[in-house]
PDB file of N, CA and C in Angstrom:
ATOM      1  N   MET A   1    -182.702  12.251  70.226  1.00  0.00           N
ATOM      2  CA  MET A   1    -183.434  13.243  69.736  1.00  0.00           C
ATOM      3  C   MET A   1    -182.467  14.074  68.875  1.00  0.00           C
ATOM      4  N   GLU A   2    -183.154  14.752  67.727  1.00  0.00           N
ATOM      5  CA  GLU A   2    -182.779  15.297  66.393  1.00  0.00           C
ATOM      6  C   GLU A   2    -181.663  16.927  67.333  1.00  0.00           C
ATOM      7  N   ASP A   3    -180.525  17.103  66.758  1.00  0.00           N
ATOM      8  CA  ASP A   3    -179.877  18.480  67.206  1.00  0.00           C
ATOM      9  C   ASP A   3    -180.490  19.532  66.541  1.00  0.00           C
ATOM     10  N   PHE A   4    -181.233  20.575  66.465  1.00  0.00           N
ATOM     11  CA  PHE A   4    -181.376  21.887  65.519  1.00  0.00           C
ATOM     12  C   PHE A   4    -180.898  22.684  65.638  1.00  0.00           C
ATOM     13  N   SER A   5    -179.983  22.706  66.622  1.00  0.00           N
ATOM     14  CA  SER A   5    -178.565  24.322  66.912  1.00  0.00           C
ATOM     15  C   SER A   5    -178.193  24.829  65.430  1.00  0.00           C
ATOM     16  N   PHE A   6    -178.271  24.100  64.500  1.00  0.00           N
ATOM     17  CA  PHE A   6    -178.041  24.807  63.648  1.00  0.00           C
ATOM     18  C   PHE A   6    -179.018  25.480  63.229  1.00  0.00           C
ATOM     19  N   LEU A   7    -180.132  25.858  63.745  1.00  0.00           N
ATOM     20  CA  LEU A   7    -181.597  26.938  63.256  1.00  0.00           C
ATOM     21  C   LEU A   7    -180.973  27.754  64.798  1.00  0.00           C
ATOM     22  N   THR A   8    -180.701  29.472  64.623  1.00  0.00           N
ATOM     23  CA  THR A   8    -179.933  30.417  65.007  1.00  0.00           C
ATOM     24  C   THR A   8    -181.012  31.188  65.438  1.00  0.00           C
ATOM     25  N   ASP A   9    -182.175  31.262  65.011  1.00  0.00           N
ATOM     26  CA  ASP A   9    -183.352  31.676  65.948  1.00  0.00           C
ATOM     27  C   ASP A   9    -183.806  30.801  66.777  1.00  0.00           C
ATOM     28  N   ASP A  10    -183.801  31.286  67.983  1.00  0.00           N
ATOM     29  CA  ASP A  10    -184.335  30.317  69.010  1.00  0.00           C
ATOM     30  C   ASP A  10    -185.675  29.742  69.222  1.00  0.00           C
ATOM     31  N   HIS A  11    -186.814  30.914  68.573  1.00  0.00           N
ATOM     32  CA  HIS A  11    -188.253  30.427  68.506  1.00  0.00           C
ATOM     33  C   HIS A  11    -188.338  29.582  67.775  1.00  0.00           C
ATOM     34  N   ILE A  12    -187.533  29.995  66.372  1.00  0.00           N
ATOM     35  CA  ILE A  12    -188.065  28.720  64.941  1.00  0.00           C
ATOM     36  C   ILE A  12    -187.423  27.578  65.487  1.00  0.00           C
ATOM     37  N   ARG A  13    -186.202  27.300  65.989  1.00  0.00           N
ATOM     38  CA  ARG A  13    -185.485  26.339  66.535  1.00  0.00           C
ATOM     39  C   ARG A  13    -186.564  25.689  67.582  1.00  0.00           C
ATOM     40  N   ARG A  14    -187.259  26.122  68.198  1.00  0.00           N
ATOM     41  CA  ARG A  14    -188.747  25.705  69.441  1.00  0.00           C
ATOM     42  C   ARG A  14    -189.482  24.930  68.932  1.00  0.00           C
ATOM     43  N   MET A  15    -190.026  25.982  67.513  1.00  0.00           N
ATOM     44  CA  MET A  15    -190.925  25.206  66.943  1.00  0.00           C
ATOM     45  C   MET A  15    -190.791  24.113  65.933  1.00  0.00           C
ATOM     46  N   VAL A  16    -189.537  24.223  65.446  1.00  0.00           N
ATOM     47  CA  VAL A  16    -189.318  22.840  64.392  1.00  0.00           C
ATOM     48  C   VAL A  16    -188.950  21.769  65.279  1.00  0.00           C
ATOM     49  N   ARG A  17    -188.510  22.110  66.381  1.00  0.00           N
ATOM     50  CA  ARG A  17    -187.746  20.777  67.247  1.00  0.00           C
ATOM     51  C   ARG A  17    -189.358  20.030  67.877  1.00  0.00           C
ATOM     52  N   ASN A  18    -190.129  21.151  68.279  1.00  0.00           N
ATOM     53  CA  ASN A  18    -191.334  20.660  68.958  1.00  0.00           C
ATOM     54  C   ASN A  18    -192.045  20.081  67.752  1.00  0.00           C
ATOM     55  N   GLY A  19    -192.494  20.363  66.538  1.00  0.00           N
ATOM     56  CA  GLY A  19    -193.082  19.535  65.563  1.00  0.00           C
ATOM     57  C   GLY A  19    -192.332  18.254  64.802  1.00  0.00           C
ATOM     58  N   TYR A  20    -190.659  18.519  65.204  1.00  0.00           N
ATOM     59  CA  TYR A  20    -190.013  17.246  64.635  1.00  0.00           C
ATOM     60  C   TYR A  20    -190.461  16.141  65.887  1.00  0.00           C
ATOM     61  N   ASN A  21    -190.528  16.324  66.621  1.00  0.00           N
ATOM     62  CA  ASN A  21    -190.834  15.543  67.952  1.00  0.00           C
ATOM     63  C   ASN A  21    -191.959  14.841  67.929  1.00  0.00           C
ATOM     64  N   ALA A  22    -192.918  15.807  67.412  1.00  0.00           N
ATOM     65  CA  ALA A  22    -194.661  14.974  67.104  1.00  0.00           C
ATOM     66  C   ALA A  22    -194.467  14.022  66.121  1.00  0.00           C
ATOM     67  N   VAL A  23    -194.174  14.787  64.897  1.00  0.00           N
ATOM     68  CA  VAL A  23    -194.278  14.010  63.725  1.00  0.00           C
ATOM     69  C   VAL A  23    -193.598  12.253  63.750  1.00  0.00           C
ATOM     70  N   GLU A  24    -192.128  12.591  64.696  1.00  0.00           N
ATOM     71  CA  GLU A  24    -191.692  11.439  65.294  1.00  0.00           C
ATOM     72  C   GLU A  24    -192.081  10.490  65.751  1.00  0.00           C
ATOM     73  N   GLU A  25    -192.726  11.150  67.191  1.00  0.00           N
ATOM     74  CA  GLU A  25    -193.291  10.241  68.104  1.00  0.00           C
ATOM     75  C   GLU A  25    -195.111   9.411  67.380  1.00  0.00           C
ATOM     76  N   LEU A  26    -195.137  10.298  66.400  1.00  0.00           N
ATOM     77  CA  LEU A  26    -196.504   9.610  65.747  1.00  0.00           C
ATOM     78  C   LEU A  26    -196.391   8.571  64.585  1.00  0.00           C
ATOM     79  N   GLU A  27    -194.851   8.599  64.501  1.00  0.00           N
ATOM     80  CA  GLU A  27    -194.199   8.032  63.232  1.00  0.00           C
ATOM     81  C   GLU A  27    -195.059   8.388  61.372  1.00  0.00           C
ATOM     82  N   LEU A  28    -195.242   9.551  61.432  1.00  0.00           N
ATOM     83  CA  LEU A  28    -196.410  10.176  60.342  1.00  0.00           C
ATOM     84  C   LEU A  28    -195.106  11.048  59.232  1.00  0.00           C
ATOM     85  N   TRP A  29    -193.851  10.076  59.510  1.00  0.00           N
ATOM     86  CA  TRP A  29    -192.840  11.259  58.037  1.00  0.00           C
ATOM     87  C   TRP A  29    -193.400  10.602  56.858  1.00  0.00           C
ATOM     88  N   SER A  30    -193.722   9.159  56.509  1.00  0.00           N
ATOM     89  CA  SER A  30    -194.017   8.422  55.490  1.00  0.00           C
ATOM     90  C   SER A  30    -194.899   9.456  55.097  1.00  0.00           C
ATOM     91  N   TRP A  31    -196.127   9.361  55.919  1.00  0.00           N
ATOM     92  CA  TRP A  31    -197.615  10.104  55.489  1.00  0.00           C
ATOM     93  C   TRP A  31    -197.564  11.455  54.935  1.00  0.00           C
ATOM     94  N   LEU A  32    -196.721  12.128  55.753  1.00  0.00           N
ATOM     95  CA  LEU A  32    -196.546  13.759  55.380  1.00  0.00           C
ATOM     96  C   LEU A  32    -195.738  13.661  54.203  1.00  0.00           C
ATOM     97  N   LYS A  33    -195.064  12.765  54.051  1.00  0.00           N
ATOM     98  CA  LYS A  33    -193.905  13.104  52.355  1.00  0.00           C
ATOM     99  C   LYS A  33    -194.887  13.251  51.163  1.00  0.00           C
ATOM    100  N   THR A  34    -196.114  12.469  51.376  1.00  0.00           N
ATOM    101  CA  THR A  34    -196.792  12.553  50.344  1.00  0.00           C
ATOM    102  C   THR A  34    -198.115  13.110  50.104  1.00  0.00           C
ATOM    103  N   PHE A  35    -198.446  13.867  51.648  1.00  0.00           N
ATOM    104  CA  PHE A  35    -199.371  14.232  51.661  1.00  0.00           C
ATOM    105  C   PHE A  35    -199.427  15.692  51.335  1.00  0.00           C
ATOM    106  N   GLU A  36    -200.780  16.503  50.417  1.00  0.00           N
ATOM    107  CA  GLU A  36    -200.501  18.110  50.340  1.00  0.00           C
ATOM    108  C   GLU A  36    -202.007  18.561  50.415  1.00  0.00           C
ATOM    109  N   PRO A  37    -201.841  19.527  51.826  1.00  0.00           N
ATOM    110  CA  PRO A  37    -203.399  19.939  52.139  1.00  0.00           C
ATOM    111  C   PRO A  37    -204.090  20.065  50.933  1.00  0.00           C
ATOM    112  N   GLU A  38    -205.723  19.834  50.744  1.00  0.00           N
ATOM    113  CA  GLU A  38    -206.913  20.347  50.015  1.00  0.00           C
ATOM    114  C   GLU A  38    -206.750  21.788  49.712  1.00  0.00           C
ATOM    115  N   SER A  39    -206.846  22.645  51.000  1.00  0.00           N
ATOM    116  CA  SER A  39    -206.394  24.088  51.012  1.00  0.00           C
ATOM    117  C   SER A  39    -205.076  24.728  50.428  1.00  0.00           C
ATOM    118  N   GLY A  40    -204.361  23.829  50.267  1.00  0.00           N
ATOM    119  CA  GLY A  40    -202.770  24.366  49.942  1.00  0.00           C
ATOM    120  C   GLY A  40    -202.177  24.655  51.194  1.00  0.00           C
ATOM    121  N   SER A  41    -202.879  25.064  52.286  1.00  0.00           N
ATOM    122  CA  SER A  41    -202.568  25.541  53.465  1.00  0.00           C
ATOM    123  C   SER A  41    -202.642  24.515  54.293  1.00  0.00           C
ATOM    124  N   PHE A  42    -201.738  24.292  55.773  1.00  0.00           N
ATOM    125  CA  PHE A  42    -201.725  23.792  56.498  1.00  0.00           C
ATOM    126  C   PHE A  42    -202.317  24.405  57.405  1.00  0.00           C
ATOM    127  N   MET A  43    -202.543  25.459  57.234  1.00  0.00           N
ATOM    128  CA  MET A  43    -203.273  26.119  58.652  1.00  0.00           C
ATOM    129  C   MET A  43    -204.937  26.042  58.600  1.00  0.00           C
ATOM    130  N   PHE A  44    -205.353  25.882  57.352  1.00  0.00           N
ATOM    131  CA  PHE A  44    -207.032  25.466  57.512  1.00  0.00           C
ATOM    132  C   PHE A  44    -207.245  23.810  56.920  1.00  0.00           C
ATOM    133  N   CYS A  45    -206.249  23.308  57.271  1.00  0.00           N
ATOM    134  CA  CYS A  45    -206.316  21.723  56.812  1.00  0.00           C
ATOM    135  C   CYS A  45    -206.986  20.905  58.446  1.00  0.00           C
ATOM    136  N   ASN A  46    -207.950  20.151  57.964  1.00  0.00           N
ATOM    137  CA  ASN A  46    -208.737  19.102  58.862  1.00  0.00           C
ATOM    138  C   ASN A  46    -208.652  17.953  58.618  1.00  0.00           C
ATOM    139  N   HIS A  47    -207.310  17.412  58.141  1.00  0.00           N
ATOM    140  CA  HIS A  47    -206.946  16.017  58.342  1.00  0.00           C
ATOM    141  C   HIS A  47    -206.874  15.633  59.662  1.00  0.00           C
ATOM    142  N   PRO A  48    -207.324  13.844  59.651  1.00  0.00           N
ATOM    143  CA  PRO A  48    -207.296  13.904  60.938  1.00  0.00           C
ATOM    144  C   PRO A  48    -205.491  13.561  61.246  1.00  0.00           C
ATOM    145  N   ASN A  49    -205.028  13.486  60.247  1.00  0.00           N
ATOM    146  CA  ASN A  49    -203.365  13.530  60.786  1.00  0.00           C
ATOM    147  C   ASN A  49    -202.578  14.719  61.178  1.00  0.00           C
ATOM    148  N   ILE A  50    -203.418  15.656  60.910  1.00  0.00           N
ATOM    149  CA  ILE A  50    -202.574  17.056  61.202  1.00  0.00           C
ATOM    150  C   ILE A  50    -203.351  17.504  62.719  1.00  0.00           C
ATOM    151  N   LYS A  51    -204.210  16.567  62.695  1.00  0.00           N
ATOM    152  CA  LYS A  51    -205.214  16.979  64.279  1.00  0.00           C
ATOM    153  C   LYS A  51    -204.560  16.062  65.126  1.00  0.00           C
ATOM    154  N   LEU A  52    -204.143  15.230  64.789  1.00  0.00           N
ATOM    155  CA  LEU A  52    -202.964  14.172  65.730  1.00  0.00           C
ATOM    156  C   LEU A  52    -201.651  14.916  65.934  1.00  0.00           C
ATOM    157  N   ILE A  53    -201.057  15.598  64.979  1.00  0.00           N
ATOM    158  CA  ILE A  53    -199.303  16.452  65.335  1.00  0.00           C
ATOM    159  C   ILE A  53    -199.868  17.716  66.191  1.00  0.00           C
ATOM    160  N   VAL A  54    -201.012  18.202  65.855  1.00  0.00           N
ATOM    161  CA  VAL A  54    -201.547  19.648  66.607  1.00  0.00           C
ATOM    162  C   VAL A  54    -201.484  18.921  68.123  1.00  0.00           C
ATOM    163  N   ASN A  55    -201.977  17.997  68.223  1.00  0.00           N
ATOM    164  CA  ASN A  55    -202.529  17.533  69.488  1.00  0.00           C
ATOM    165  C   ASN A  55    -201.147  16.984  70.242  1.00  0.00           C
ATOM    166  N   LYS A  56    -200.035  16.321  70.077  1.00  0.00           N
ATOM    167  CA  LYS A  56    -198.804  15.876  69.936  1.00  0.00           C
ATOM    168  C   LYS A  56    -198.337  17.168  70.160  1.00  0.00           C
ATOM    169  N   MET A  57    -198.011  17.732  69.095  1.00  0.00           N
ATOM    170  CA  MET A  57    -197.117  19.243  69.780  1.00  0.00           C
ATOM    171  C   MET A  57    -197.520  19.966  70.751  1.00  0.00           C
ATOM    172  N   GLU A  58    -199.002  20.245  71.209  1.00  0.00           N
ATOM    173  CA  GLU A  58    -199.385  21.004  72.533  1.00  0.00           C
ATOM    174  C   GLU A  58    -199.021  20.169  73.757  1.00  0.00           C
ATOM    175  N   LYS A  59    -198.921  18.643  74.067  1.00  0.00           N
ATOM    176  CA  LYS A  59    -198.602  17.757  74.412  1.00  0.00           C
ATOM    177  C   LYS A  59    -197.448  17.877  75.105  1.00  0.00           C
ATOM    178  N   LEU A  60    -196.255  18.010  74.027  1.00  0.00           N
ATOM    179  CA  LEU A  60    -195.117  18.021  74.382  1.00  0.00           C
ATOM    180  C   LEU A  60    -194.561  18.774  75.227  1.00  0.00           C
ATOM    181  N   PRO A  61    -193.360  18.134  76.172  1.00  0.00           N
ATOM    182  CA  PRO A  61    -193.093  19.631  77.024  1.00  0.00           C
ATOM    183  C   PRO A  61    -192.026  20.194  76.741  1.00  0.00           C
ATOM    184  N   ASP A  62    -191.802  20.505  75.210  1.00  0.00           N
ATOM    185  CA  ASP A  62    -191.165  21.668  74.692  1.00  0.00           C
ATOM    186  C   ASP A  62    -191.978  22.432  73.722  1.00  0.00           C
ATOM    187  N   SER A  63    -193.451  22.114  73.901  1.00  0.00           N
ATOM    188  CA  SER A  63    -194.143  23.056  73.197  1.00  0.00           C
ATOM    189  C   SER A  63    -194.170  24.669  73.056  1.00  0.00           C
ATOM    190  N   PRO A  64    -193.759  25.291  72.016  1.00  0.00           N
ATOM    191  CA  PRO A  64    -193.555  26.682  72.618  1.00  0.00           C
ATOM    192  C   PRO A  64    -195.075  27.599  72.795  1.00  0.00           C
ATOM    193  N   GLY A  65    -196.336  26.410  72.033  1.00  0.00           N
ATOM    194  CA  GLY A  65    -197.323  27.338  71.520  1.00  0.00           C
ATOM    195  C   GLY A  65    -197.213  27.864  70.319  1.00  0.00           C
ATOM    196  N   HIS A  66    -198.349  27.835  69.670  1.00  0.00           N
ATOM    197  CA  HIS A  66    -198.397  27.785  67.853  1.00  0.00           C
ATOM    198  C   HIS A  66    -199.923  28.781  67.797  1.00  0.00           C
ATOM    199  N   SER A  67    -199.587  29.681  66.933  1.00  0.00           N
ATOM    200  CA  SER A  67    -201.049  30.219  66.483  1.00  0.00           C
ATOM    201  C   SER A  67    -200.882  29.683  65.074  1.00  0.00           C
ATOM    202  N   GLY A  68    -202.036  29.905  63.825  1.00  0.00           N
ATOM    203  CA  GLY A  68    -202.101  28.998  63.169  1.00  0.00           C
ATOM    204  C   GLY A  68    -201.401  29.424  62.091  1.00  0.00           C
ATOM    205  N   SER A  69    -200.620  30.579  61.842  1.00  0.00           N
ATOM    206  CA  SER A  69    -199.892  31.215  61.471  1.00  0.00           C
ATOM    207  C   SER A  69    -197.970  30.219  61.712  1.00  0.00           C
ATOM    208  N   SER A  70    -197.880  30.239  62.685  1.00  0.00           N
ATOM    209  CA  SER A  70    -196.581  29.527  63.212  1.00  0.00           C
ATOM    210  C   SER A  70    -196.808  28.119  63.069  1.00  0.00           C
ATOM    211  N   PHE A  71    -197.889  27.150  63.186  1.00  0.00           N
ATOM    212  CA  PHE A  71    -198.292  26.286  62.866  1.00  0.00           C
ATOM    213  C   PHE A  71    -197.760  25.636  61.596  1.00  0.00           C
ATOM    214  N   SER A  72    -198.552  26.428  60.361  1.00  0.00           N
ATOM    215  CA  SER A  72    -198.011  26.232  59.042  1.00  0.00           C
ATOM    216  C   SER A  72    -197.081  26.524  58.985  1.00  0.00           C
ATOM    217  N   PHE A  73    -196.316  27.626  59.480  1.00  0.00           N
ATOM    218  CA  PHE A  73    -194.708  27.875  58.894  1.00  0.00           C
ATOM    219  C   PHE A  73    -193.874  26.724  59.881  1.00  0.00           C
ATOM    220  N   THR A  74    -193.836  26.209  60.768  1.00  0.00           N
ATOM    221  CA  THR A  74    -193.702  24.861  61.004  1.00  0.00           C
ATOM    222  C   THR A  74    -194.038  23.556  60.212  1.00  0.00           C
ATOM    223  N   MET A  75    -194.908  23.646  59.735  1.00  0.00           N
ATOM    224  CA  MET A  75    -195.522  22.659  59.124  1.00  0.00           C
ATOM    225  C   MET A  75    -194.449  22.189  57.641  1.00  0.00           C
ATOM    226  N   LYS A  76    -194.237  23.540  56.978  1.00  0.00           N
ATOM    227  CA  LYS A  76    -194.257  23.940  55.537  1.00  0.00           C
ATOM    228  C   LYS A  76    -192.527  22.994  55.861  1.00  0.00           C
ATOM    229  N   HIS A  77    -191.779  23.679  57.084  1.00  0.00           N
ATOM    230  CA  HIS A  77    -190.476  22.929  57.272  1.00  0.00           C
ATOM    231  C   HIS A  77    -190.346  21.668  57.441  1.00  0.00           C
ATOM    232  N   LEU A  78    -191.308  20.852  58.522  1.00  0.00           N
ATOM    233  CA  LEU A  78    -191.271  19.617  58.907  1.00  0.00           C
ATOM    234  C   LEU A  78    -191.610  18.512  57.075  1.00  0.00           C
ATOM    235  N   LYS A  79    -192.484  19.395  56.446  1.00  0.00           N
ATOM    236  CA  LYS A  79    -192.748  19.086  54.893  1.00  0.00           C
ATOM    237  C   LYS A  79    -191.696  18.686  54.242  1.00  0.00           C
ATOM    238  N   TYR A  80    -190.623  19.419  54.234  1.00  0.00           N
ATOM    239  CA  TYR A  80    -189.980  19.769  53.534  1.00  0.00           C
ATOM    240  C   TYR A  80    -188.501  18.339  54.329  1.00  0.00           C
ATOM    241  N   ILE A  81    -188.434  18.431  55.213  1.00  0.00           N
ATOM    242  CA  ILE A  81    -187.729  17.208  55.913  1.00  0.00           C
ATOM    243  C   ILE A  81    -188.475  16.209  55.573  1.00  0.00           C
ATOM    244  N   ALA A  82    -189.471  15.628  55.719  1.00  0.00           N
ATOM    245  CA  ALA A  82    -190.139  14.611  54.852  1.00  0.00           C
ATOM    246  C   ALA A  82    -189.618  14.193  53.637  1.00  0.00           C
ATOM    247  N   GLU A  83    -189.820  15.096  52.904  1.00  0.00           N
ATOM    248  CA  GLU A  83    -189.365  15.058  51.736  1.00  0.00           C
ATOM    249  C   GLU A  83    -188.112  15.183  50.976  1.00  0.00           C
ATOM    250  N   ASN A  84    -187.134  15.503  51.978  1.00  0.00           N
ATOM    251  CA  ASN A  84    -185.903  15.504  51.293  1.00  0.00           C
ATOM    252  C   ASN A  84    -184.764  15.175  52.528  1.00  0.00           C
ATOM    253  N   GLY A  85    -185.188  15.012  53.699  1.00  0.00           N
ATOM    254  CA  GLY A  85    -184.491  14.284  54.533  1.00  0.00           C
ATOM    255  C   GLY A  85    -183.779  15.046  55.264  1.00  0.00           C
ATOM    256  N   ILE A  86    -183.582  14.688  57.078  1.00  0.00           N
ATOM    257  CA  ILE A  86    -183.292  16.141  57.997  1.00  0.00           C
ATOM    258  C   ILE A  86    -181.472  16.158  57.564  1.00  0.00           C
ATOM    259  N   ASP A  87    -180.544  15.307  57.052  1.00  0.00           N
ATOM    260  CA  ASP A  87    -179.502  16.230  56.485  1.00  0.00           C
ATOM    261  C   ASP A  87    -179.712  16.686  55.316  1.00  0.00           C
ATOM    262  N   GLU A  88    -180.468  16.567  54.428  1.00  0.00           N
ATOM    263  CA  GLU A  88    -180.762  17.715  53.421  1.00  0.00           C
ATOM    264  C   GLU A  88    -181.385  18.959  54.030  1.00  0.00           C
ATOM    265  N   TYR A  89    -181.786  19.130  54.911  1.00  0.00           N
ATOM    266  CA  TYR A  89    -182.250  20.141  55.389  1.00  0.00           C
ATOM    267  C   TYR A  89    -181.485  21.161  56.170  1.00  0.00           C
ATOM    268  N   LYS A  90    -180.503  20.445  57.171  1.00  0.00           N
ATOM    269  CA  LYS A  90    -179.589  20.925  57.725  1.00  0.00           C
ATOM    270  C   LYS A  90    -178.641  22.298  56.995  1.00  0.00           C
ATOM    271  N   ASN A  91    -178.350  20.865  55.432  1.00  0.00           N
ATOM    272  CA  ASN A  91    -177.748  21.425  54.498  1.00  0.00           C
ATOM    273  C   ASN A  91    -178.144  22.668  53.899  1.00  0.00           C
ATOM    274  N   ASP A  92    -179.492  23.033  53.879  1.00  0.00           N
ATOM    275  CA  ASP A  92    -180.128  23.859  53.089  1.00  0.00           C
ATOM    276  C   ASP A  92    -180.192  25.050  54.271  1.00  0.00           C
ATOM    277  N   ILE A  93    -180.632  24.862  55.634  1.00  0.00           N
ATOM    278  CA  ILE A  93    -180.656  26.251  56.194  1.00  0.00           C
ATOM    279  C   ILE A  93    -178.963  26.497  56.503  1.00  0.00           C
ATOM    280  N   ILE A  94    -178.317  25.385  56.630  1.00  0.00           N
ATOM    281  CA  ILE A  94    -176.844  26.205  56.604  1.00  0.00           C
ATOM    282  C   ILE A  94    -176.216  27.034  55.664  1.00  0.00           C
ATOM    283  N   GLN A  95    -176.472  26.586  54.474  1.00  0.00           N
ATOM    284  CA  GLN A  95    -176.165  27.051  53.464  1.00  0.00           C
ATOM    285  C   GLN A  95    -177.014  28.561  52.490  1.00  0.00           C
ATOM    286  N   ASN A  96    -178.052  28.466  52.826  1.00  0.00           N
ATOM    287  CA  ASN A  96    -179.302  29.422  52.400  1.00  0.00           C
ATOM    288  C   ASN A  96    -179.535  29.908  53.903  1.00  0.00           C
ATOM    289  N   GLY A  97    -179.235  29.914  54.774  1.00  0.00           N
ATOM    290  CA  GLY A  97    -180.306  30.759  56.038  1.00  0.00           C
ATOM    291  C   GLY A  97    -181.381  31.059  56.414  1.00  0.00           C
TER     292      GLY A  97
END
């Protein structure tokens, strides 16, 4: 399990950890790395893999509950991780807040 203690806001930490665990369990990192929502927003995306992620996030025991806005916010963080790796994500958060 990935440690997200570098995220200082508890709610953001819970959202990103929940999404990370969902994508990890579904093994969708490679897909997410290259995927771009047709609408430009994850909030209004109807792709089957997005639906899988949403469902998995809701079923995980650490689910903080997501609105459309918080889901989109979380997916932007996960997209960054998919494209750049978790270590780069950590470094970026630590350096830039």
